[in-house]
Structure formats: structure tokens, C-alpha cells
Amino acid sequence: MKAIVLEEFGKDLTIKSIDDPENTKDGVIIKVKANGICRSDYHIWMGHWQGISTPLVMGHEFTGVIEEVGSNVKKFKKGDRVIVPFSLSCGFCEYCLDGEGQVCSERQAAGFSFNGGYGQYVHIPHADINLSHLSEEIDFVSGAALGCRFATAFHGVIDQARVGAGEWVVISGCGGVGLSALQISVALGANVICVDVDDRKLTLAKELGASFVINSKDQNVVERVLEITKGGSNVTIDALGHPEIFNHSIKSLKKKGRHLIMGLAPDHVSFQIPARNFVASEIEIIGSRGVPPQKVPYMLNMVENNKLHPSKLVTETISPDQVNAVLKSMASYDNMGITVLEW
């Protein structure tokens, strides 16, 4: 098969022929139709995270069609349209049995721990647990936009931050995961303030339903949030993973506020926590990673019923020979919305 291969960190990916993946009894082989280009791919490409080995075929936000089905697989057949969640679970550990497969003790992720959607074919283990059917109402490109950033935001906003109707939510970072969190928060009836340094992204955020936008280069984020909300936000969301975002987010919260961190920073990045403020105001810091596989159908149902619109986040579709240019653009945060690779 053809694949776009990471052979050396920070160097151009190479399009080449590699061996097709082999199937397992509980797995399936998927022919990839579309794959989102995620900032996590950029971090992998740059070698920002430990534990990643090369050569590697990246890509963890993909949709496709099942080509081969393992003998133990019951829920899927050849020809089924499917979506693959970013975080794959074993189905048997204490977390999976508790419905929290996104933090599975033996979790895997295509494009991280094994070859992913930058290749034409991918093997997915434990298919009955991890895959979801993709209805004809959702095209492959829109489905790819749901795979990681949107799904992560879905779990983070609904399950972790517990965003409610009428609450004030401040989202810092208007990339793919931030705009996904915006769309989901608006669908829940929240009032959303978006923060970024790029006016183009803030304009897109307004188009997607943000009540207010703040350019943090030109305005004091904390002062502006306190003014708009008349006392502070209920929820702040870090959609990038940056210390400055952490600082202004915490200061923007009202008492009993919740701060959600969804942006994955490089390994060397850490935050300083003002412990006394957390005790005095009973503020929560919440992490969020991926989505439980069994929650994916709920997200898809909201898309099918026009409650969520991932297609509005897709700003560009590309061919395999354009992937390097997209990854390079992420160094300066030039990319807008979600870019999707089509095979």
C-alpha cells in the first residue's frame, strides 16, 4: 500500500510503498477514505513527545470502509462505513469496564503506537469495542473532522467540564479542538467567549456562534472576561496547552469555576498552580483525553440530527503530497479550522 511515512523527526514525510497491515481475529482492516491533520501530528513529527518510534505512519482522525473482518468480530462486516475514535481501548481493564475506555490501561492510538491513517489501509484491534458505524448522512471528510479534536471536545465539554445552558464559557485557542468546543458549547445553550491572537480565527469563531471574541494581543483577557460576564466565567477551556492560557483562565473564573485542559502541550511544558486561589474559591482543574468509544454514537446522532456541524470546521481538503506543507504551517499557527487528507 501507499503511505506517508515519518522516518526522521522534523524532516519531510516520504510517500512510499510499505507492506499492507495484517489482520487479527478481533480486528478489521479499514481502507482509509479521509484523515484529519491534527496538531498532535505536528508534535509527533517534531519529536515533542517521548515514546514515539520511527518509522511511523501517523494519522489518528480517520474514516473509511471495512475491507477485511476478523473471525471473532460480530458487529461489523466487509463494506461497512466506519469512524475510528482517537483513543482505542482493550475493553477488559477496570477503566473500560467502568465505561472510561479513553483512559484504558492498555490504550493504543493509530498513528501513535501503530501505523495510522496517513496510509491507505489500517488495522484496528478490538473492533467490536472501538469502531462505530458511520451513516450515509455523514460524508467521510466530515466524519474525519470528528475523529479526535471534535470527539475530544465532545467528551471534555459534556462529561468533564459539565457545561450547562446559560453558563459562560471562555475558550482559549481557536484551532480545531477550540472551535469544536465552541460548537458543542453553543449547542448546549452556553454563552461562549473565544480568545486567540489571530483575527481570522476569531472571525471564524464568531461565524460559528461565539457571543464575544477577544484578541489577547490587543486586550487584557482577564479584564475583558470579567467585564463581559459581570464577575467571571463558569468554565474556562485551554484548547492549546500553554502556560499563559492557564494563567489568564484561572483568573477569569468565578468561584466554583471549572478549568478544562484539552490542548496537548510538549513534554517540557508545565503550569504553575496558585494553590491558595483553588482552595479559597473551590476551583477545579480538569483534564480530558479522547472520548469513551461508547459515547461516539451519541456524538454521531447529534450530527445526523443537525445539532452539530463538523463540516463547518473543515477549511481545506488536501492530497498526500500536500501533508508536509500543512505540518510546517502549524509551526506558526497559520492553519485555520480542520484540514483533511483524502485518499
Protein backbone atom coordinates (compact mmCIF):
# COMPACT_ATOMS: atom_id res chain seq x y z
CA MET A 1 0.00 0.00 0.00
CA LYS A 2 0.98 3.66 -0.28
CA ALA A 3 1.69 5.55 2.91
CA ILE A 4 3.09 8.89 4.07
CA VAL A 5 5.91 7.83 6.39
CA LEU A 6 7.67 9.68 9.21
CA GLU A 7 11.24 8.39 9.04
CA GLU A 8 13.09 11.14 10.96
CA PHE A 9 11.67 13.73 13.38
CA GLY A 10 11.44 17.22 11.91
CA LYS A 11 12.20 16.03 8.36
CA ASP A 12 9.79 15.83 5.43
CA LEU A 13 7.50 12.81 5.39
CA THR A 14 8.03 10.40 2.50
CA ILE A 15 5.33 8.90 0.26
CA LYS A 16 6.34 5.30 -0.37
CA SER A 17 5.04 1.76 -0.67
CA ILE A 18 5.01 -0.33 2.52
CA ASP A 19 3.55 -3.70 3.50
CA ASP A 20 -0.21 -3.93 3.97
CA PRO A 21 -1.26 -4.36 7.63
CA GLU A 22 -2.14 -7.85 8.82
CA ASN A 23 -5.50 -8.57 10.41
CA THR A 24 -6.23 -10.26 13.75
CA LYS A 25 -9.18 -12.36 14.89
CA ASP A 26 -10.79 -9.48 16.81
CA GLY A 27 -9.72 -6.78 14.36
CA VAL A 28 -10.60 -5.33 10.99
CA ILE A 29 -8.69 -3.84 8.09
CA ILE A 30 -10.02 -0.44 7.02
CA LYS A 31 -9.49 1.24 3.67
CA VAL A 32 -8.95 4.87 4.67
CA LYS A 33 -11.08 7.46 2.89
CA ALA A 34 -10.25 10.64 4.84
CA ASN A 35 -7.94 11.59 7.70
CA GLY A 36 -7.71 14.86 9.65
CA ILE A 37 -4.34 16.57 10.03
CA CYS A 38 -4.12 17.28 13.76
CA ARG A 39 -1.77 19.40 15.90
CA SER A 40 -0.91 16.15 17.68
CA ASP A 41 0.58 15.02 14.35
CA TYR A 42 2.72 18.16 14.39
CA HIS A 43 4.00 17.35 17.90
CA ILE A 44 4.80 13.77 16.85
CA TRP A 45 6.53 14.97 13.68
CA MET A 46 8.68 17.41 15.67
CA GLY A 47 9.62 14.80 18.30
CA HIS A 48 7.99 16.72 21.14
CA TRP A 49 6.68 13.62 22.88
CA GLN A 50 8.55 10.69 24.37
CA GLY A 51 7.73 7.10 23.47
CA ILE A 52 7.14 7.61 19.74
CA SER A 53 9.21 5.36 17.47
CA THR A 54 10.07 5.76 13.80
CA PRO A 55 9.41 4.79 11.08
CA LEU A 56 5.75 5.59 11.69
CA VAL A 57 2.66 6.22 9.60
CA MET A 58 0.85 8.97 11.52
CA GLY A 59 -2.88 9.75 11.36
CA HIS A 60 -5.49 9.14 14.06
CA GLU A 61 -8.59 11.00 12.77
CA PHE A 62 -9.96 8.82 10.02
CA THR A 63 -12.98 7.28 8.40
CA GLY A 64 -13.15 4.51 5.85
CA VAL A 65 -14.65 1.27 4.63
CA ILE A 66 -14.02 -2.17 6.13
CA GLU A 67 -12.03 -4.36 3.74
CA GLU A 68 -11.42 -7.42 5.93
CA VAL A 69 -13.09 -8.73 9.10
CA GLY A 70 -11.54 -10.95 11.77
CA SER A 71 -13.26 -14.22 12.62
CA ASN A 72 -14.29 -13.06 16.11
CA VAL A 73 -15.81 -9.74 15.03
CA LYS A 74 -19.61 -9.70 15.39
CA LYS A 75 -20.80 -6.11 14.84
CA PHE A 76 -19.15 -5.27 11.52
CA LYS A 77 -18.87 -6.71 8.03
CA LYS A 78 -16.94 -6.01 4.85
CA GLY A 79 -18.17 -2.83 3.16
CA ASP A 80 -19.36 -1.08 6.34
CA ARG A 81 -18.62 2.64 6.59
CA VAL A 82 -16.89 3.33 9.91
CA ILE A 83 -15.27 6.01 12.06
CA VAL A 84 -12.31 5.27 14.32
CA PRO A 85 -12.04 7.08 17.68
CA PHE A 86 -8.65 8.52 18.56
CA SER A 87 -8.27 6.54 21.80
CA LEU A 88 -8.58 2.78 21.36
CA SER A 89 -9.40 0.58 24.35
CA CYS A 90 -8.94 -3.05 25.33
CA GLY A 91 -12.48 -3.46 26.70
CA PHE A 92 -11.41 -5.51 29.71
CA CYS A 93 -9.42 -3.36 32.16
CA GLU A 94 -11.00 -1.63 35.16
CA TYR A 95 -11.42 1.65 33.26
CA CYS A 96 -13.00 0.07 30.19
CA LEU A 97 -15.39 -1.91 32.37
CA ASP A 98 -16.34 1.36 34.07
CA GLY A 99 -17.13 2.97 30.71
CA GLU A 100 -13.94 5.06 30.64
CA GLY A 101 -12.09 3.45 27.75
CA GLN A 102 -10.39 6.73 26.81
CA VAL A 103 -8.04 6.16 29.78
CA CYS A 104 -7.71 2.40 29.20
CA SER A 105 -4.74 0.82 30.99
CA GLU A 106 -3.60 -0.69 27.67
CA ARG A 107 -4.81 2.11 25.41
CA GLN A 108 -3.47 2.42 21.93
CA ALA A 109 -3.87 5.01 19.21
CA ALA A 110 -3.46 4.62 15.48
CA GLY A 111 -0.71 6.91 14.26
CA PHE A 112 0.95 6.88 17.69
CA SER A 113 1.58 3.29 18.78
CA PHE A 114 1.00 1.69 15.37
CA ASN A 115 0.56 2.79 11.76
CA GLY A 116 -2.45 5.03 11.14
CA GLY A 117 -4.49 6.92 8.59
CA TYR A 118 -1.65 8.50 6.61
CA GLY A 119 -1.65 5.08 4.97
CA GLN A 120 -4.23 3.61 2.61
CA TYR A 121 -5.07 0.72 4.96
CA VAL A 122 -5.13 0.42 8.78
CA HIS A 123 -5.63 -2.47 11.16
CA ILE A 124 -7.87 -1.69 14.15
CA PRO A 125 -7.81 -4.13 17.11
CA HIS A 126 -10.83 -4.96 19.28
CA ALA A 127 -13.11 -3.73 16.51
CA ASP A 128 -16.40 -4.54 18.23
CA ILE A 129 -15.38 -2.31 21.15
CA ASN A 130 -13.66 0.52 19.33
CA LEU A 131 -15.41 1.15 15.99
CA SER A 132 -18.65 2.97 15.26
CA HIS A 133 -20.78 2.79 12.13
CA LEU A 134 -20.76 5.94 10.01
CA SER A 135 -24.15 6.57 8.43
CA GLU A 136 -24.61 7.68 4.83
CA GLU A 137 -25.79 11.07 6.18
CA ILE A 138 -22.20 11.89 7.24
CA ASP A 139 -19.63 12.09 4.45
CA PHE A 140 -16.12 10.71 5.01
CA VAL A 141 -14.46 14.15 5.24
CA SER A 142 -16.93 15.42 7.87
CA GLY A 143 -16.51 12.15 9.73
CA ALA A 144 -12.73 12.58 9.77
CA ALA A 145 -13.23 16.00 11.35
CA LEU A 146 -14.96 14.20 14.25
CA GLY A 147 -12.23 11.67 14.95
CA CYS A 148 -10.01 13.38 17.53
CA ARG A 149 -10.44 17.11 18.08
CA PHE A 150 -14.23 17.13 17.86
CA ALA A 151 -14.58 13.91 19.85
CA THR A 152 -12.14 15.16 22.48
CA ALA A 153 -14.14 18.38 22.78
CA PHE A 154 -17.41 16.42 22.97
CA HIS A 155 -16.20 14.40 25.96
CA GLY A 156 -14.41 17.36 27.52
CA VAL A 157 -17.27 19.85 27.30
CA ILE A 158 -20.11 17.48 28.19
CA ASP A 159 -18.64 14.88 30.55
CA GLN A 160 -15.62 16.59 32.10
CA ALA A 161 -16.44 20.31 32.27
CA ARG A 162 -20.19 19.64 32.55
CA VAL A 163 -21.11 22.77 30.59
CA GLY A 164 -24.74 23.78 31.10
CA ALA A 165 -27.24 26.04 29.38
CA GLY A 166 -26.78 29.71 30.22
CA GLU A 167 -23.25 29.30 31.61
CA TRP A 168 -20.35 31.47 30.50
CA VAL A 169 -17.57 29.53 28.78
CA VAL A 170 -14.20 31.02 27.76
CA ILE A 171 -12.30 29.05 25.11
CA SER A 172 -8.64 29.96 24.53
CA GLY A 173 -7.20 28.74 21.24
CA CYS A 174 -9.38 28.73 18.12
CA GLY A 175 -7.83 25.79 16.31
CA GLY A 176 -9.68 22.57 15.57
CA VAL A 177 -10.33 21.48 19.16
CA GLY A 178 -11.22 25.01 20.31
CA LEU A 179 -13.72 25.58 17.52
CA SER A 180 -15.17 22.12 18.17
CA ALA A 181 -15.62 23.02 21.86
CA LEU A 182 -17.28 26.26 20.74
CA GLN A 183 -19.78 24.48 18.53
CA ILE A 184 -20.64 21.91 21.20
CA SER A 185 -20.96 24.53 23.97
CA VAL A 186 -23.30 26.63 21.82
CA ALA A 187 -25.40 23.54 21.08
CA LEU A 188 -25.75 23.05 24.85
CA GLY A 189 -27.01 26.61 25.27
CA ALA A 190 -23.88 28.18 26.78
CA ASN A 191 -22.62 31.71 26.15
CA VAL A 192 -19.13 31.46 24.67
CA ILE A 193 -16.21 33.89 24.61
CA CYS A 194 -13.34 32.88 22.29
CA VAL A 195 -9.75 34.04 22.77
CA ASP A 196 -6.94 33.93 20.20
CA VAL A 197 -4.17 36.09 18.72
CA ASP A 198 -5.36 35.67 15.11
CA ASP A 199 -8.26 37.85 13.93
CA ARG A 200 -9.02 35.40 11.11
CA LYS A 201 -9.68 32.63 13.62
CA LEU A 202 -11.73 34.94 15.80
CA THR A 203 -13.86 35.90 12.80
CA LEU A 204 -14.48 32.20 12.14
CA ALA A 205 -15.38 31.73 15.82
CA LYS A 206 -17.99 34.49 15.54
CA GLU A 207 -19.44 32.79 12.46
CA LEU A 208 -19.68 29.54 14.44
CA GLY A 209 -21.62 31.12 17.30
CA ALA A 210 -19.24 32.84 19.73
CA SER A 211 -21.02 35.60 21.64
CA PHE A 212 -17.79 37.59 22.08
CA VAL A 213 -14.21 37.30 20.87
CA ILE A 214 -11.00 38.65 22.43
CA ASN A 215 -7.66 39.15 20.69
CA SER A 216 -5.19 38.59 23.53
CA LYS A 217 -2.51 40.63 21.75
CA ASP A 218 -4.66 43.75 21.91
CA GLN A 219 -6.80 43.29 25.04
CA ASN A 220 -6.37 42.20 28.64
CA VAL A 221 -8.15 38.87 28.66
CA VAL A 222 -8.97 38.80 32.37
CA GLU A 223 -10.33 42.33 32.48
CA ARG A 224 -12.42 41.80 29.36
CA VAL A 225 -13.87 38.48 30.57
CA LEU A 226 -14.79 39.91 33.97
CA GLU A 227 -16.44 42.87 32.23
CA ILE A 228 -18.45 40.74 29.78
CA THR A 229 -19.57 38.15 32.33
CA LYS A 230 -20.05 40.65 35.16
CA GLY A 231 -17.92 38.71 37.59
CA GLY A 232 -16.27 35.74 35.92
CA SER A 233 -16.90 32.67 33.78
CA ASN A 234 -18.25 29.33 34.90
CA VAL A 235 -15.87 27.36 32.68
CA THR A 236 -12.55 28.11 31.00
CA ILE A 237 -11.10 25.82 28.35
CA ASP A 238 -7.46 25.59 27.28
CA ALA A 239 -7.58 24.27 23.72
CA LEU A 240 -3.86 24.67 23.09
CA GLY A 241 -1.82 23.72 26.16
CA HIS A 242 0.02 26.93 27.02
CA PRO A 243 1.11 28.41 30.39
CA GLU A 244 -0.20 31.90 29.57
CA ILE A 245 -3.63 30.45 28.78
CA PHE A 246 -3.60 28.69 32.14
CA ASN A 247 -2.79 31.92 33.95
CA HIS A 248 -5.50 34.10 32.42
CA SER A 249 -8.05 31.27 32.51
CA ILE A 250 -7.72 30.77 36.25
CA LYS A 251 -8.00 34.50 36.92
CA SER A 252 -11.10 34.68 34.70
CA LEU A 253 -13.09 32.10 36.68
CA LYS A 254 -15.70 32.88 39.27
CA LYS A 255 -15.92 30.89 42.50
CA LYS A 256 -16.70 27.18 41.95
CA GLY A 257 -15.44 27.55 38.38
CA ARG A 258 -14.03 24.71 36.28
CA HIS A 259 -10.88 24.90 34.15
CA LEU A 260 -10.66 22.25 31.42
CA ILE A 261 -7.33 21.45 29.75
CA MET A 262 -7.68 19.73 26.36
CA GLY A 263 -4.66 21.09 24.47
CA LEU A 264 -1.73 18.68 24.45
CA ALA A 265 1.49 20.58 25.14
CA PRO A 266 5.04 19.31 24.51
CA ASP A 267 6.52 17.21 27.33
CA HIS A 268 8.67 20.05 28.69
CA VAL A 269 5.72 22.44 29.27
CA SER A 270 4.35 22.78 32.82
CA PHE A 271 1.94 25.11 34.63
CA GLN A 272 2.34 26.92 37.95
CA ILE A 273 -0.72 26.44 40.14
CA PRO A 274 -1.77 29.21 42.60
CA ALA A 275 -2.85 26.74 45.26
CA ARG A 276 -4.43 29.24 47.65
CA ASN A 277 -6.83 30.51 44.98
CA PHE A 278 -8.02 26.99 44.29
CA VAL A 279 -8.72 26.32 47.94
CA ALA A 280 -10.41 29.65 48.61
CA SER A 281 -12.64 29.58 45.53
CA GLU A 282 -13.05 25.78 45.20
CA ILE A 283 -11.88 25.87 41.59
CA GLU A 284 -11.49 22.61 39.68
CA ILE A 285 -8.73 21.74 37.20
CA ILE A 286 -9.92 19.05 34.82
CA GLY A 287 -8.08 17.04 32.20
CA SER A 288 -9.67 15.42 29.17
CA ARG A 289 -8.34 12.92 26.66
CA GLY A 290 -10.23 11.49 23.71
CA VAL A 291 -13.71 10.07 24.12
CA PRO A 292 -15.08 6.79 25.50
CA PRO A 293 -15.80 4.61 22.44
CA GLN A 294 -19.39 4.03 23.54
CA LYS A 295 -20.04 7.81 23.51
CA VAL A 296 -19.18 8.17 19.81
CA PRO A 297 -22.68 7.10 18.61
CA TYR A 298 -24.22 9.88 20.75
CA MET A 299 -21.99 12.42 19.02
CA LEU A 300 -22.84 11.00 15.60
CA ASN A 301 -26.54 11.17 16.44
CA MET A 302 -26.23 14.89 17.14
CA VAL A 303 -24.56 15.36 13.77
CA GLU A 304 -27.20 13.34 11.94
CA ASN A 305 -29.92 15.46 13.59
CA ASN A 306 -28.23 18.77 12.68
CA LYS A 307 -27.33 19.68 16.26
CA LEU A 308 -23.60 19.63 15.46
CA HIS A 309 -21.94 20.55 12.15
CA PRO A 310 -18.35 19.27 11.81
CA SER A 311 -18.35 20.13 8.09
CA LYS A 312 -18.29 23.83 9.03
CA LEU A 313 -14.90 23.31 10.67
CA VAL A 314 -13.29 21.80 7.56
CA THR A 315 -11.47 24.62 5.79
CA GLU A 316 -9.32 22.58 3.40
CA THR A 317 -9.02 19.10 1.87
CA ILE A 318 -5.61 18.02 0.59
CA SER A 319 -3.83 15.25 -1.29
CA PRO A 320 -0.94 13.18 0.13
CA ASP A 321 1.75 15.38 -1.44
CA GLN A 322 0.46 18.42 0.49
CA VAL A 323 0.80 16.98 4.01
CA ASN A 324 4.31 18.31 4.62
CA ALA A 325 3.24 21.87 3.83
CA VAL A 326 0.31 21.65 6.26
CA LEU A 327 2.51 20.34 9.08
CA LYS A 328 5.05 23.12 8.50
CA SER A 329 2.31 25.75 8.65
CA MET A 330 1.40 24.55 12.15
CA ALA A 331 4.71 25.88 13.49
CA SER A 332 3.39 29.43 13.09
CA TYR A 333 -0.27 28.54 13.74
CA ASP A 334 -1.19 29.67 10.22
CA ASN A 335 -3.66 26.84 9.60
CA MET A 336 -7.38 27.53 10.00
CA GLY A 337 -10.02 25.11 11.26
CA ILE A 338 -9.53 21.47 10.28
CA THR A 339 -7.57 20.24 7.26
CA VAL A 340 -8.45 16.77 5.96
CA LEU A 341 -6.34 14.42 3.84
CA GLU A 342 -8.33 12.48 1.24
CA TRP A 343 -7.04 9.18 -0.13
